[in-house]
N, C-alpha and C. Protein backbone atom coordinates (compact mmCIF):
# COMPACT_ATOMS: atom_id res chain seq x y z
N MET A 1 0.85 -1.17 0.00
CA MET A 1 0.00 0.00 0.00
C MET A 1 0.89 1.23 0.00
N THR A 2 0.64 2.14 -0.90
CA THR A 2 1.47 3.33 -0.99
C THR A 2 1.14 4.30 0.14
N TYR A 3 2.04 5.25 0.34
CA TYR A 3 1.84 6.24 1.39
C TYR A 3 0.58 7.06 1.13
N LYS A 4 0.32 7.40 -0.13
CA LYS A 4 -0.88 8.16 -0.48
C LYS A 4 -2.13 7.37 -0.10
N HIS A 5 -2.14 6.07 -0.36
CA HIS A 5 -3.29 5.25 -0.01
C HIS A 5 -3.47 5.16 1.50
N GLN A 6 -2.38 5.19 2.25
CA GLN A 6 -2.48 5.18 3.71
C GLN A 6 -3.09 6.48 4.21
N LEU A 7 -2.85 7.58 3.51
CA LEU A 7 -3.41 8.87 3.91
C LEU A 7 -4.87 9.03 3.49
N HIS A 8 -5.32 8.22 2.56
CA HIS A 8 -6.68 8.30 2.04
C HIS A 8 -7.36 6.93 2.17
N PRO A 9 -7.72 6.52 3.40
CA PRO A 9 -8.25 5.17 3.58
C PRO A 9 -9.71 4.99 3.18
N TRP A 10 -10.50 6.07 3.11
CA TRP A 10 -11.91 5.94 2.76
C TRP A 10 -12.03 5.87 1.25
N CYS A 11 -12.68 4.82 0.76
CA CYS A 11 -12.80 4.58 -0.68
C CYS A 11 -14.25 4.48 -1.09
N ILE A 12 -14.52 4.95 -2.30
CA ILE A 12 -15.78 4.65 -2.97
C ILE A 12 -15.45 3.55 -3.95
N ILE A 13 -16.17 2.44 -3.83
CA ILE A 13 -15.92 1.31 -4.72
C ILE A 13 -17.16 1.02 -5.54
N GLN A 14 -16.93 0.37 -6.67
CA GLN A 14 -18.01 -0.13 -7.50
C GLN A 14 -17.89 -1.65 -7.53
N PRO A 15 -18.88 -2.36 -6.98
CA PRO A 15 -18.80 -3.82 -7.00
C PRO A 15 -18.91 -4.34 -8.44
N LEU A 16 -18.09 -5.34 -8.76
CA LEU A 16 -18.09 -5.96 -10.07
C LEU A 16 -18.46 -7.43 -9.93
N ALA A 17 -18.49 -8.13 -11.03
CA ALA A 17 -18.82 -9.55 -11.02
C ALA A 17 -17.72 -10.35 -10.32
N ASN A 18 -18.07 -11.54 -9.87
CA ASN A 18 -17.14 -12.47 -9.23
C ASN A 18 -16.45 -11.89 -8.00
N LEU A 19 -17.19 -11.14 -7.18
CA LEU A 19 -16.69 -10.56 -5.93
C LEU A 19 -15.48 -9.65 -6.12
N GLN A 20 -15.34 -9.07 -7.28
CA GLN A 20 -14.28 -8.10 -7.51
C GLN A 20 -14.83 -6.71 -7.24
N ARG A 21 -13.92 -5.75 -7.13
CA ARG A 21 -14.35 -4.37 -6.91
C ARG A 21 -13.39 -3.42 -7.61
N LYS A 22 -13.90 -2.25 -7.92
CA LYS A 22 -13.11 -1.22 -8.57
C LYS A 22 -13.12 0.01 -7.68
N VAL A 23 -11.95 0.48 -7.28
CA VAL A 23 -11.87 1.69 -6.46
C VAL A 23 -12.05 2.89 -7.39
N VAL A 24 -13.09 3.67 -7.13
CA VAL A 24 -13.42 4.82 -7.97
C VAL A 24 -12.71 6.07 -7.47
N ALA A 25 -12.66 6.25 -6.14
CA ALA A 25 -12.02 7.44 -5.56
C ALA A 25 -11.60 7.14 -4.13
N ARG A 26 -10.62 7.90 -3.63
CA ARG A 26 -10.10 7.73 -2.26
C ARG A 26 -10.17 9.09 -1.54
N PHE A 27 -10.43 9.04 -0.22
CA PHE A 27 -10.59 10.26 0.57
C PHE A 27 -9.97 10.10 1.94
N ARG A 28 -9.60 11.23 2.53
CA ARG A 28 -9.07 11.22 3.90
C ARG A 28 -10.17 11.06 4.93
N ARG A 29 -11.32 11.69 4.67
CA ARG A 29 -12.42 11.70 5.64
C ARG A 29 -13.67 11.04 5.06
N ARG A 30 -14.41 10.37 5.93
CA ARG A 30 -15.64 9.71 5.49
C ARG A 30 -16.65 10.72 4.99
N SER A 31 -16.72 11.87 5.63
CA SER A 31 -17.70 12.88 5.20
C SER A 31 -17.42 13.34 3.77
N ASP A 32 -16.16 13.43 3.39
CA ASP A 32 -15.82 13.78 2.01
C ASP A 32 -16.28 12.69 1.04
N ALA A 33 -16.09 11.44 1.44
CA ALA A 33 -16.52 10.32 0.60
C ALA A 33 -18.04 10.31 0.46
N GLU A 34 -18.76 10.59 1.54
CA GLU A 34 -20.22 10.60 1.48
C GLU A 34 -20.73 11.71 0.57
N ALA A 35 -20.13 12.89 0.63
CA ALA A 35 -20.54 13.99 -0.24
C ALA A 35 -20.28 13.65 -1.71
N HIS A 36 -19.14 13.05 -1.99
CA HIS A 36 -18.82 12.66 -3.36
C HIS A 36 -19.76 11.56 -3.85
N LEU A 37 -20.10 10.64 -2.96
CA LEU A 37 -21.01 9.55 -3.31
C LEU A 37 -22.40 10.09 -3.66
N GLN A 38 -22.87 11.09 -2.94
CA GLN A 38 -24.17 11.68 -3.25
C GLN A 38 -24.17 12.28 -4.65
N ALA A 39 -23.10 12.97 -5.01
CA ALA A 39 -23.00 13.55 -6.35
C ALA A 39 -22.96 12.46 -7.41
N MET A 40 -22.21 11.40 -7.15
CA MET A 40 -22.12 10.30 -8.12
C MET A 40 -23.46 9.62 -8.31
N ARG A 41 -24.23 9.47 -7.25
CA ARG A 41 -25.55 8.83 -7.36
C ARG A 41 -26.53 9.71 -8.14
N ARG A 42 -26.38 11.02 -8.06
CA ARG A 42 -27.23 11.91 -8.86
C ARG A 42 -26.86 11.82 -10.34
N LEU A 43 -25.56 11.70 -10.63
CA LEU A 43 -25.10 11.63 -12.02
C LEU A 43 -25.37 10.27 -12.66
N ALA A 44 -25.27 9.20 -11.89
CA ALA A 44 -25.48 7.84 -12.40
C ALA A 44 -26.38 7.08 -11.44
N PRO A 45 -27.71 7.33 -11.50
CA PRO A 45 -28.60 6.72 -10.51
C PRO A 45 -28.70 5.20 -10.60
N GLY A 46 -28.37 4.62 -11.74
CA GLY A 46 -28.48 3.17 -11.88
C GLY A 46 -27.26 2.41 -11.39
N ALA A 47 -26.16 3.09 -11.17
CA ALA A 47 -24.91 2.43 -10.77
C ALA A 47 -24.90 2.17 -9.26
N THR A 48 -24.16 1.16 -8.85
CA THR A 48 -24.03 0.81 -7.44
C THR A 48 -22.64 1.20 -6.95
N TYR A 49 -22.60 1.98 -5.89
CA TYR A 49 -21.34 2.40 -5.27
C TYR A 49 -21.44 2.18 -3.77
N LEU A 50 -20.32 1.88 -3.13
CA LEU A 50 -20.26 1.68 -1.69
C LEU A 50 -19.07 2.44 -1.11
N ILE A 51 -19.18 2.82 0.15
CA ILE A 51 -18.06 3.44 0.86
C ILE A 51 -17.44 2.37 1.76
N VAL A 52 -16.13 2.22 1.69
CA VAL A 52 -15.42 1.25 2.53
C VAL A 52 -14.19 1.91 3.14
N PHE A 53 -13.78 1.41 4.29
CA PHE A 53 -12.54 1.83 4.93
C PHE A 53 -11.49 0.80 4.55
N ASP A 54 -10.55 1.17 3.71
CA ASP A 54 -9.59 0.24 3.12
C ASP A 54 -8.27 0.30 3.88
N VAL A 55 -8.04 -0.70 4.70
CA VAL A 55 -6.75 -0.81 5.39
C VAL A 55 -6.12 -2.14 5.01
N GLN A 56 -4.84 -2.12 4.81
CA GLN A 56 -4.11 -3.34 4.51
C GLN A 56 -2.99 -3.46 5.52
N ILE A 57 -2.98 -4.56 6.21
CA ILE A 57 -1.94 -4.80 7.20
C ILE A 57 -0.72 -5.35 6.48
N GLU A 58 0.41 -4.72 6.72
CA GLU A 58 1.65 -5.16 6.09
C GLU A 58 2.06 -6.49 6.71
N PRO A 59 2.39 -7.49 5.89
CA PRO A 59 2.83 -8.77 6.45
C PRO A 59 4.17 -8.63 7.14
N GLN A 60 4.30 -9.29 8.27
CA GLN A 60 5.55 -9.23 9.02
C GLN A 60 6.51 -10.25 8.44
N ASN A 61 7.76 -9.91 8.45
CA ASN A 61 8.79 -10.81 7.94
C ASN A 61 9.07 -11.87 8.99
N SER A 62 8.85 -13.13 8.65
CA SER A 62 9.04 -14.21 9.62
C SER A 62 10.50 -14.37 10.02
N MET A 63 11.43 -13.96 9.16
CA MET A 63 12.85 -14.05 9.50
C MET A 63 13.20 -13.11 10.65
N LEU A 64 12.56 -11.96 10.70
CA LEU A 64 12.83 -11.01 11.78
C LEU A 64 12.31 -11.55 13.11
N GLU A 65 11.20 -12.27 13.06
CA GLU A 65 10.64 -12.82 14.29
C GLU A 65 11.53 -13.92 14.87
N GLN A 66 12.23 -14.66 14.02
CA GLN A 66 13.06 -15.76 14.48
C GLN A 66 14.35 -15.28 15.12
N GLN A 67 14.80 -14.10 14.80
CA GLN A 67 16.09 -13.61 15.32
C GLN A 67 15.96 -13.06 16.70
């Protein structure tokens, strides 16, 4: 996960087939994501969008744990 993505954890996603998703936009605050989502729903009322908090935990290096 890039530093920019860590600073913008709130995402608007569009669900796709086979449990996939497409990140449409990223935001620092949930309120910003909600405002953007309202505008998107007015522009494309038939489309489905969701707000998610996207965090990815960095895997720990097992070699460091053994030392």
